[in-house]
N, C-alpha and C. Protein backbone atom coordinates (compact mmCIF):
# COMPACT_ATOMS: atom_id res chain seq x y z
N UNK A 1 -4.35 -0.07 33.25
CA UNK A 1 -3.85 -0.79 34.11
C UNK A 1 -3.81 -2.45 33.77
N UNK A 2 -2.93 -3.26 34.33
CA UNK A 2 -2.85 -4.78 33.43
C UNK A 2 -3.17 -5.39 34.36
N UNK A 3 -3.80 -6.57 34.00
CA UNK A 3 -4.51 -7.64 34.48
C UNK A 3 -3.97 -9.24 34.38
N UNK A 4 -3.87 -9.61 35.52
CA UNK A 4 -3.20 -11.36 34.89
C UNK A 4 -1.97 -11.53 33.78
N UNK A 5 -1.11 -10.78 34.24
CA UNK A 5 -0.23 -10.59 33.33
C UNK A 5 -0.45 -10.05 32.26
N UNK A 6 -1.03 -10.09 31.32
CA UNK A 6 -1.23 -9.19 29.94
C UNK A 6 -1.30 -8.68 30.02
N UNK A 7 -1.38 -7.35 29.02
CA UNK A 7 -1.21 -5.82 28.56
C UNK A 7 -2.59 -6.01 28.08
N UNK A 8 -3.04 -4.95 28.40
CA UNK A 8 -4.46 -4.18 28.06
C UNK A 8 -4.38 -3.08 27.12
N UNK A 9 -4.85 -3.17 25.74
CA UNK A 9 -5.17 -1.89 24.92
C UNK A 9 -6.48 -2.00 24.42
N UNK A 10 -6.72 -0.99 24.17
CA UNK A 10 -7.92 -0.55 23.82
C UNK A 10 -8.10 -1.35 22.00
N UNK A 11 -9.08 -2.13 21.91
CA UNK A 11 -9.66 -2.38 20.61
C UNK A 11 -9.20 -1.43 19.46
N UNK A 12 -8.15 -2.00 18.48
CA UNK A 12 -7.97 -1.16 17.58
C UNK A 12 -6.87 -0.25 17.90
N UNK A 13 -6.72 -0.41 18.86
CA UNK A 13 -5.23 0.45 19.40
C UNK A 13 -4.00 0.15 18.17
N UNK A 14 -3.23 1.70 17.73
CA UNK A 14 -2.25 1.59 17.01
C UNK A 14 -1.19 0.42 17.76
N UNK A 15 -0.32 0.04 16.82
CA UNK A 15 0.82 -0.85 17.18
C UNK A 15 1.92 0.44 17.29
N UNK A 16 3.37 0.12 18.31
CA UNK A 16 4.56 1.27 17.80
C UNK A 16 5.12 1.01 16.88
N UNK A 17 5.03 0.06 16.58
CA UNK A 17 5.97 -0.41 16.24
C UNK A 17 5.98 0.15 14.05
N UNK A 18 4.70 -0.16 13.80
CA UNK A 18 4.11 0.00 12.28
C UNK A 18 3.24 1.52 12.36
N UNK A 19 2.11 1.80 13.58
CA UNK A 19 1.87 2.78 13.54
C UNK A 19 0.32 2.58 12.83
N UNK A 20 0.23 1.41 12.41
CA UNK A 20 -0.85 0.61 11.82
C UNK A 20 -1.85 -0.08 12.81
N UNK A 21 -3.32 0.44 12.94
CA UNK A 21 -4.01 -0.81 13.63
C UNK A 21 -3.94 -2.45 13.09
N UNK A 22 -3.82 -3.05 13.92
CA UNK A 22 -4.30 -4.27 13.78
C UNK A 22 -5.35 -5.15 13.65
N UNK A 23 -6.46 -5.46 12.21
CA UNK A 23 -7.50 -5.43 12.34
C UNK A 23 -7.96 -6.78 13.77
N UNK A 24 -8.91 -6.16 14.39
CA UNK A 24 -9.34 -7.36 15.14
C UNK A 24 -10.15 -8.06 14.93
N UNK A 25 -11.09 -7.58 13.75
CA UNK A 25 -12.28 -8.81 13.74
C UNK A 25 -11.92 -9.35 11.89
N UNK A 26 -12.18 -9.96 11.19
CA UNK A 26 -12.09 -10.22 9.88
C UNK A 26 -12.81 -9.15 8.80
N UNK A 27 -13.72 -8.29 9.26
CA UNK A 27 -14.86 -7.77 8.26
C UNK A 27 -14.20 -6.41 8.80
N UNK A 28 -13.07 -6.03 9.44
CA UNK A 28 -12.70 -5.08 9.88
C UNK A 28 -11.97 -4.46 9.09
N UNK A 29 -11.10 -5.82 8.55
CA UNK A 29 -9.84 -5.27 7.29
C UNK A 29 -10.34 -5.00 6.36
N UNK A 30 -11.79 -5.33 5.80
CA UNK A 30 -12.68 -4.53 4.77
C UNK A 30 -12.72 -3.76 4.97
N UNK A 31 -13.21 -2.83 5.97
CA UNK A 31 -13.42 -1.45 6.31
C UNK A 31 -12.43 -1.06 5.63
N UNK A 32 -11.24 -1.08 5.61
CA UNK A 32 -9.92 -0.07 5.32
C UNK A 32 -9.91 -0.62 3.61
N UNK A 33 -10.04 -1.83 3.02
CA UNK A 33 -9.93 -1.64 1.64
C UNK A 33 -11.43 -0.84 1.13
N UNK A 34 -12.00 -1.15 1.69
CA UNK A 34 -13.40 -0.46 1.15
C UNK A 34 -12.96 1.11 0.84
N UNK A 35 -12.55 1.46 2.19
CA UNK A 35 -11.84 3.03 2.02
C UNK A 35 -11.45 3.31 1.31
N UNK A 36 -10.34 2.65 1.15
CA UNK A 36 -9.16 2.72 -0.39
C UNK A 36 -9.88 3.39 -1.59
N UNK A 37 -10.95 1.92 -2.10
CA UNK A 37 -11.08 1.76 -2.68
C UNK A 37 -12.32 2.97 -3.51
N UNK A 38 -13.15 3.60 -2.25
CA UNK A 38 -13.89 5.11 -2.47
C UNK A 38 -12.71 5.73 -2.99
N UNK A 39 -11.68 5.74 -2.20
CA UNK A 39 -11.10 7.17 -1.98
C UNK A 39 -10.65 7.09 -3.96
N UNK A 40 -10.17 6.42 -4.44
CA UNK A 40 -9.38 5.83 -5.90
C UNK A 40 -11.00 6.32 -6.19
N UNK A 41 -12.00 6.20 -6.35
CA UNK A 41 -13.40 6.00 -6.66
C UNK A 41 -13.59 8.21 -6.61
N UNK A 42 -12.98 8.54 -5.54
CA UNK A 42 -13.68 10.08 -4.94
C UNK A 42 -12.38 10.62 -6.40
N UNK A 43 -11.07 10.17 -6.21
CA UNK A 43 -9.90 10.64 -6.60
C UNK A 43 -9.96 10.92 -8.44
N UNK A 44 -10.53 10.23 -9.10
CA UNK A 44 -11.40 10.10 -10.13
C UNK A 44 -12.50 11.03 -10.79
N UNK A 45 -13.57 11.13 -9.69
CA UNK A 45 -14.54 12.61 -9.86
C UNK A 45 -13.62 13.87 -9.32
N UNK A 46 -12.45 13.88 -8.63
CA UNK A 46 -11.81 15.16 -8.25
C UNK A 46 -11.06 15.40 -9.58
N UNK A 47 -10.25 14.52 -10.03
CA UNK A 47 -9.67 14.69 -11.87
C UNK A 47 -10.95 14.92 -12.73
N UNK A 48 -11.89 14.57 -12.52
CA UNK A 48 -13.18 15.17 -13.69
C UNK A 48 -13.19 16.82 -13.23
N UNK A 49 -13.27 16.78 -11.70
CA UNK A 49 -14.16 18.43 -11.19
C UNK A 49 -12.93 19.06 -11.96
N UNK A 50 -11.49 18.97 -11.56
CA UNK A 50 -10.42 19.38 -11.87
C UNK A 50 -10.48 19.80 -13.56
N UNK A 51 -10.87 19.18 -14.82
CA UNK A 51 -10.89 19.41 -15.96
C UNK A 51 -11.80 20.40 -15.93
N UNK A 52 -13.18 20.39 -15.50
CA UNK A 52 -14.41 20.90 -15.37
C UNK A 52 -14.55 22.43 -14.77
N UNK A 53 -13.73 22.74 -14.11
CA UNK A 53 -13.09 24.65 -13.44
C UNK A 53 -12.72 24.88 -15.21
N UNK A 54 -12.28 24.58 -15.94
CA UNK A 54 -11.49 25.84 -17.03
C UNK A 54 -10.75 26.11 -16.43
N UNK A 55 -9.90 25.83 -15.64
CA UNK A 55 -8.76 26.69 -15.32
C UNK A 55 -9.33 27.73 -14.09
N UNK A 56 -9.85 27.00 -13.41
CA UNK A 56 -10.68 27.52 -12.22
C UNK A 56 -10.84 28.64 -12.26
N UNK A 57 -12.34 28.90 -13.42
CA UNK A 57 -13.33 30.27 -13.92
C UNK A 57 -14.40 29.63 -13.26
N UNK A 58 -14.77 28.47 -13.13
CA UNK A 58 -16.29 28.25 -13.09
C UNK A 58 -16.55 27.69 -11.28
N UNK A 59 -17.26 28.42 -10.84
CA UNK A 59 -17.76 28.21 -9.48
C UNK A 59 -18.10 26.81 -8.91
N UNK A 60 -19.10 26.02 -9.49
CA UNK A 60 -19.49 24.70 -9.18
C UNK A 60 -18.56 23.97 -8.81
N UNK A 61 -17.67 23.87 -10.41
CA UNK A 61 -16.36 22.80 -10.12
C UNK A 61 -15.98 22.87 -9.12
N UNK A 62 -15.52 24.52 -9.07
CA UNK A 62 -14.33 24.66 -8.41
C UNK A 62 -14.76 23.67 -6.19
N UNK A 63 -15.93 24.06 -6.31
CA UNK A 63 -16.74 23.35 -5.35
C UNK A 63 -16.76 22.36 -4.68
N UNK A 64 -16.70 21.59 -6.15
CA UNK A 64 -17.00 20.23 -6.28
C UNK A 64 -15.67 19.92 -5.87
N UNK A 65 -14.40 20.08 -6.49
CA UNK A 65 -13.04 19.81 -6.98
C UNK A 65 -13.01 19.27 -5.47
N UNK A 66 -13.20 21.20 -4.66
CA UNK A 66 -12.30 21.19 -3.05
C UNK A 66 -13.18 19.92 -2.11
N UNK A 67 -13.80 19.79 -2.42
CA UNK A 67 -15.14 18.56 -1.21
C UNK A 67 -14.48 17.51 -1.50
N UNK A 68 -14.45 17.13 -2.90
CA UNK A 68 -13.95 15.73 -3.53
C UNK A 68 -12.66 15.52 -3.03
N UNK A 69 -12.11 16.23 -2.99
CA UNK A 69 -10.87 16.17 -2.70
C UNK A 69 -10.39 16.42 -1.43
N UNK A 70 -11.11 16.61 -0.43
CA UNK A 70 -11.07 16.68 1.42
C UNK A 70 -11.75 15.18 1.27
N UNK A 71 -12.59 14.54 0.58
CA UNK A 71 -13.14 13.26 0.62
C UNK A 71 -11.81 12.57 0.50
N UNK A 72 -11.50 12.54 -0.50
CA UNK A 72 -10.31 11.23 -0.95
C UNK A 72 -9.19 11.35 0.03
N UNK A 73 -9.01 12.35 0.65
CA UNK A 73 -7.67 12.50 1.57
C UNK A 73 -8.18 11.88 2.88
N UNK A 74 -9.52 12.08 3.29
CA UNK A 74 -9.78 12.05 4.25
C UNK A 74 -10.18 10.01 4.31
N UNK A 75 -10.39 9.46 3.53
CA UNK A 75 -10.74 8.44 2.40
C UNK A 75 -9.38 7.30 3.09
N UNK A 76 -8.14 8.29 2.28
CA UNK A 76 -7.13 7.69 1.87
C UNK A 76 -6.52 7.43 3.12
N UNK A 77 -6.25 8.61 4.18
CA UNK A 77 -6.07 7.98 5.10
C UNK A 77 -6.42 7.43 5.84
N UNK A 78 -7.76 7.14 6.22
CA UNK A 78 -8.16 5.96 7.28
C UNK A 78 -7.81 5.04 6.89
N UNK A 79 -7.55 4.73 5.54
CA UNK A 79 -7.53 3.49 5.09
C UNK A 79 -6.00 2.73 5.47
N UNK A 80 -4.71 3.88 5.59
CA UNK A 80 -3.84 3.52 6.10
C UNK A 80 -3.39 3.13 7.32
N UNK A 81 -4.81 3.26 8.45
CA UNK A 81 -4.94 2.57 9.56
C UNK A 81 -4.91 0.75 9.66
N UNK A 82 -5.33 0.49 8.45
CA UNK A 82 -5.66 -0.86 8.34
C UNK A 82 -4.53 -1.71 7.27
N UNK A 83 -3.73 -0.83 6.10
CA UNK A 83 -2.81 -1.30 5.07
C UNK A 83 -1.65 -0.24 4.81
N UNK A 84 -0.67 -0.94 4.62
CA UNK A 84 0.60 -0.35 4.67
C UNK A 84 0.25 0.96 3.72
N UNK A 85 0.82 1.33 3.90
CA UNK A 85 1.40 2.83 2.86
C UNK A 85 1.46 2.63 1.67
N UNK A 86 2.57 1.93 1.25
CA UNK A 86 2.88 1.54 -0.11
C UNK A 86 1.70 0.92 -0.97
N UNK A 87 1.20 -0.63 -0.16
CA UNK A 87 0.35 -0.71 -0.88
C UNK A 87 -1.00 0.31 -0.83
N UNK A 88 -1.56 0.75 -0.19
CA UNK A 88 -2.21 2.11 -0.59
C UNK A 88 -2.33 3.02 -1.26
N UNK A 89 -1.34 3.09 -1.24
CA UNK A 89 -1.17 4.24 -2.32
C UNK A 89 -0.88 4.05 -3.74
N UNK A 90 -0.55 2.89 -3.79
CA UNK A 90 -0.27 2.17 -4.94
C UNK A 90 -1.59 1.85 -5.69
N UNK A 91 -2.61 0.83 -4.43
CA UNK A 91 -3.94 1.41 -5.39
C UNK A 91 -4.55 2.17 -5.31
N UNK A 92 -4.69 3.01 -4.61
CA UNK A 92 -5.44 4.82 -4.61
C UNK A 92 -5.43 5.22 -6.56
N UNK A 93 -3.56 5.05 -6.48
CA UNK A 93 -3.22 5.44 -8.01
C UNK A 93 -3.69 4.73 -8.99
N UNK A 94 -4.21 2.86 -8.50
CA UNK A 94 -4.55 2.20 -9.79
C UNK A 94 -5.77 2.41 -9.96
N UNK A 95 -6.32 2.63 -8.62
CA UNK A 95 -8.17 2.50 -9.42
C UNK A 95 -8.24 4.07 -10.08
N UNK A 96 -7.85 5.04 -9.27
CA UNK A 96 -7.86 6.57 -10.62
C UNK A 96 -7.02 6.78 -11.60
N UNK A 97 -6.39 6.19 -11.89
CA UNK A 97 -6.02 5.91 -13.02
C UNK A 97 -6.83 5.07 -14.32
N UNK A 98 -7.22 4.00 -13.44
CA UNK A 98 -8.27 2.92 -14.16
C UNK A 98 -9.35 4.26 -14.16
N UNK A 99 -9.74 4.68 -13.08
CA UNK A 99 -11.42 5.34 -13.50
C UNK A 99 -11.01 6.59 -14.76
N UNK A 100 -9.90 7.33 -14.60
CA UNK A 100 -9.86 8.47 -15.45
C UNK A 100 -9.77 7.71 -16.75
N UNK A 101 -8.72 6.58 -16.85
CA UNK A 101 -8.69 5.95 -18.15
C UNK A 101 -10.30 5.74 -18.98
N UNK A 102 -11.03 5.09 -18.11
CA UNK A 102 -12.20 4.43 -18.71
C UNK A 102 -12.94 5.86 -18.85
N UNK A 103 -13.26 6.47 -18.27
CA UNK A 103 -14.14 7.87 -18.44
C UNK A 103 -13.47 8.80 -20.11
N UNK A 104 -12.18 8.35 -20.00
CA UNK A 104 -11.39 9.46 -21.26
C UNK A 104 -11.82 8.71 -22.95
N UNK A 105 -11.96 6.90 -22.06
CA UNK A 105 -11.96 5.91 -23.30
C UNK A 105 -13.23 6.21 -23.76
N UNK A 106 -14.13 6.06 -23.09
CA UNK A 106 -15.72 6.34 -23.10
C UNK A 106 -16.22 7.28 -23.55
N UNK A 107 -15.58 8.92 -23.37
CA UNK A 107 -15.72 10.06 -23.54
C UNK A 107 -14.97 10.33 -25.37
N UNK A 108 -14.03 9.56 -25.82
CA UNK A 108 -13.40 9.26 -26.93
C UNK A 108 -14.13 8.34 -27.60
N UNK A 109 -14.84 7.77 -27.42
CA UNK A 109 -15.04 6.48 -27.91
C UNK A 109 -14.35 5.49 -28.70
N UNK A 110 -12.97 6.06 -28.11
CA UNK A 110 -11.49 4.68 -28.68
C UNK A 110 -11.41 4.37 -27.51
N UNK A 111 -11.20 2.25 -28.55
CA UNK A 111 -10.42 1.55 -27.03
C UNK A 111 -9.17 1.47 -27.69
N UNK A 112 -8.09 1.84 -27.03
CA UNK A 112 -6.76 1.31 -27.62
C UNK A 112 -5.91 0.63 -26.61
N UNK A 113 -5.32 -0.35 -27.37
CA UNK A 113 -5.22 -1.94 -26.94
C UNK A 113 -3.99 -1.46 -25.41
N UNK A 114 -2.77 -0.67 -26.58
CA UNK A 114 -1.69 -0.09 -25.83
C UNK A 114 -2.31 0.14 -24.43
N UNK A 115 -3.11 1.13 -24.33
CA UNK A 115 -3.13 2.15 -23.05
C UNK A 115 -4.24 0.76 -22.03
N UNK A 116 -4.57 -0.18 -22.42
CA UNK A 116 -5.32 -1.47 -21.97
C UNK A 116 -4.69 -1.93 -21.41
N UNK A 117 -3.43 -2.46 -21.80
CA UNK A 117 -2.35 -3.12 -21.47
C UNK A 117 -1.48 -2.62 -20.24
N UNK A 118 -0.81 -1.12 -20.08
CA UNK A 118 -0.81 -1.22 -19.64
C UNK A 118 -1.74 -0.87 -18.18
N UNK A 119 -2.64 -0.18 -18.48
CA UNK A 119 -3.35 0.10 -17.11
C UNK A 119 -3.68 -1.57 -16.23
N UNK A 120 -3.73 -2.68 -17.06
CA UNK A 120 -4.20 -3.99 -16.52
C UNK A 120 -2.49 -3.84 -15.88
N UNK A 121 -1.43 -3.70 -16.00
CA UNK A 121 -0.05 -3.50 -15.81
C UNK A 121 0.08 -3.40 -14.46
N UNK A 122 -0.70 -1.77 -14.17
CA UNK A 122 -0.86 -1.44 -12.94
C UNK A 122 -1.37 -1.73 -12.08
N UNK A 123 -2.58 -2.47 -12.61
CA UNK A 123 -3.44 -3.07 -11.53
C UNK A 123 -3.16 -4.34 -11.10
N UNK A 124 -2.16 -4.59 -12.34
CA UNK A 124 -1.40 -6.33 -12.02
C UNK A 124 -0.62 -5.60 -10.20
N UNK A 125 0.10 -4.41 -10.43
CA UNK A 125 1.29 -4.66 -9.62
C UNK A 125 0.69 -4.21 -8.10
N UNK A 126 -0.49 -4.04 -8.29
CA UNK A 126 -1.32 -3.43 -6.94
C UNK A 126 -1.65 -4.73 -6.29
N UNK A 127 -2.22 -5.49 -7.05
CA UNK A 127 -2.56 -6.73 -6.90
C UNK A 127 -1.07 -7.40 -5.87
N UNK A 128 -0.22 -6.89 -6.97
CA UNK A 128 0.96 -7.66 -6.80
C UNK A 128 1.35 -7.51 -5.26
N UNK A 129 1.45 -6.30 -4.94
CA UNK A 129 1.78 -5.88 -3.70
C UNK A 129 0.65 -6.39 -2.26
N UNK A 130 -0.39 -6.44 -2.78
CA UNK A 130 -1.53 -7.11 -1.37
C UNK A 130 -0.87 -8.17 -1.29
N UNK A 131 -0.64 -9.25 -2.85
CA UNK A 131 -0.01 -10.15 -1.91
C UNK A 131 0.92 -10.65 -1.46
N UNK A 132 1.98 -9.75 -1.64
CA UNK A 132 3.38 -9.84 -1.07
C UNK A 132 3.31 -9.59 0.12
N UNK A 133 2.43 -9.26 0.90
CA UNK A 133 2.11 -8.27 2.03
C UNK A 133 2.15 -9.46 2.86
N UNK A 134 3.66 -8.83 3.88
CA UNK A 134 3.24 -9.89 5.01
C UNK A 134 2.28 -9.86 6.21
N UNK A 135 1.77 -11.01 6.93
CA UNK A 135 0.89 -10.31 8.16
C UNK A 135 2.15 -10.12 9.68
N UNK A 136 1.47 -9.61 10.07
CA UNK A 136 1.97 -9.02 10.93
C UNK A 136 2.43 -9.63 12.12
N UNK A 137 3.61 -10.12 12.49
CA UNK A 137 3.85 -11.40 13.72
C UNK A 137 3.18 -10.74 14.71
N UNK A 138 2.85 -11.91 15.45
CA UNK A 138 2.21 -11.85 16.90
C UNK A 138 2.94 -11.33 17.78
N UNK A 139 2.36 -10.35 18.64
CA UNK A 139 2.67 -9.88 19.62
C UNK A 139 3.20 -10.35 20.77
N UNK A 140 4.44 -10.22 21.45
CA UNK A 140 4.97 -10.69 22.43
C UNK A 140 4.38 -10.45 23.37
N UNK A 141 3.96 -11.71 24.60
CA UNK A 141 3.39 -11.11 26.23
C UNK A 141 4.47 -10.84 26.44
N UNK A 142 3.86 -9.59 27.98
CA UNK A 142 4.64 -8.22 28.65
C UNK A 142 5.14 -7.30 27.95
N UNK A 143 5.19 -7.11 26.60
CA UNK A 143 5.61 -6.17 25.83
C UNK A 143 4.24 -4.87 26.83
N UNK A 144 5.49 -3.57 27.19
CA UNK A 144 4.61 -2.26 27.79
C UNK A 144 3.92 -1.83 26.61
N UNK A 145 2.41 -1.70 27.11
CA UNK A 145 1.49 -0.57 26.43
C UNK A 145 2.03 1.03 26.50
N UNK A 146 1.33 1.69 26.27
CA UNK A 146 1.46 3.25 26.36
C UNK A 146 0.68 3.60 27.61
N UNK A 147 -0.08 3.01 27.73
CA UNK A 147 -0.69 3.26 29.31
C UNK A 147 -0.21 2.65 30.30
N UNK A 148 0.76 1.78 30.28
CA UNK A 148 1.78 0.91 31.17
C UNK A 148 2.90 1.54 31.66
N UNK A 149 3.39 2.18 30.21
CA UNK A 149 4.41 3.53 30.48
C UNK A 149 3.92 4.29 30.94
N UNK A 150 3.13 4.68 31.26
CA UNK A 150 2.73 6.05 32.12
C UNK A 150 2.27 5.67 33.37
N UNK A 151 2.55 4.26 34.16
CA UNK A 151 2.79 4.26 35.33
C UNK A 151 3.61 3.80 35.73
N UNK A 152 4.02 3.44 37.16
CA UNK A 152 4.97 3.80 38.03
C UNK A 152 5.69 2.46 37.37
N UNK A 153 7.76 2.76 38.06
CA UNK A 153 8.80 2.13 37.55
C UNK A 153 8.31 0.59 37.88
N UNK A 154 7.84 0.32 39.09
CA UNK A 154 7.64 -1.30 39.77
C UNK A 154 6.61 -1.89 39.04
N UNK A 155 5.16 -1.57 38.32
CA UNK A 155 4.53 -1.94 37.93
C UNK A 155 4.63 -1.99 36.16
N UNK A 156 5.71 -1.45 35.51
CA UNK A 156 6.62 -1.65 34.49
C UNK A 156 7.24 -2.92 34.92
N UNK A 157 8.41 -3.66 35.73
CA UNK A 157 8.76 -4.96 36.34
C UNK A 157 8.41 -5.44 36.09
N UNK A 158 6.93 -5.89 36.94
CA UNK A 158 5.76 -6.72 36.75
C UNK A 158 4.83 -6.68 35.23
N UNK A 159 5.13 -5.43 34.62
CA UNK A 159 4.40 -6.07 33.19
C UNK A 159 5.36 -6.82 32.29
N UNK A 160 7.13 -6.29 32.36
CA UNK A 160 8.15 -7.13 31.64
C UNK A 160 8.25 -8.90 32.14
N UNK A 161 7.68 -8.94 33.49
CA UNK A 161 8.20 -9.96 33.62
C UNK A 161 7.36 -11.33 33.64
N UNK A 162 5.67 -10.88 33.25
CA UNK A 162 4.39 -11.27 32.84
C UNK A 162 3.82 -11.87 34.01
N UNK A 163 3.43 -11.20 34.83
CA UNK A 163 3.33 -11.01 36.16
C UNK A 163 1.76 -10.53 36.21
């Protein structure tokens, strides 16, 4: 139901244009970024567990692989609610690449300057995508919401006219 000419929608409702939720509070956007970084860290654990399965012959690492794979997918998909898919996917891959490379370099105890520079370029690209992200435009008054669209035609005209 619409009151006083303004559309009402539930807090955090998805927009029709992007399918993303528009963060209502400053802390809400941070939640999506924390989920995204958690997904990247979990992806690193997932890659390590995959290596530890030794061709899927060890049961323990297979269980970790499956559980962490599900967890990283859930965290990544939830981050899509507040971060554009292209940015989220790039950052997710960047975090997991960085984590994998750091673990490989620590295990081999070798620090290769070329690898470090390439990893920094990947991370720089992810940061660049975040900086290039444009804020969503303000919503026009009188736009029909999903709940209003299910109401009768006379109510829709009132909404469009801003009543």
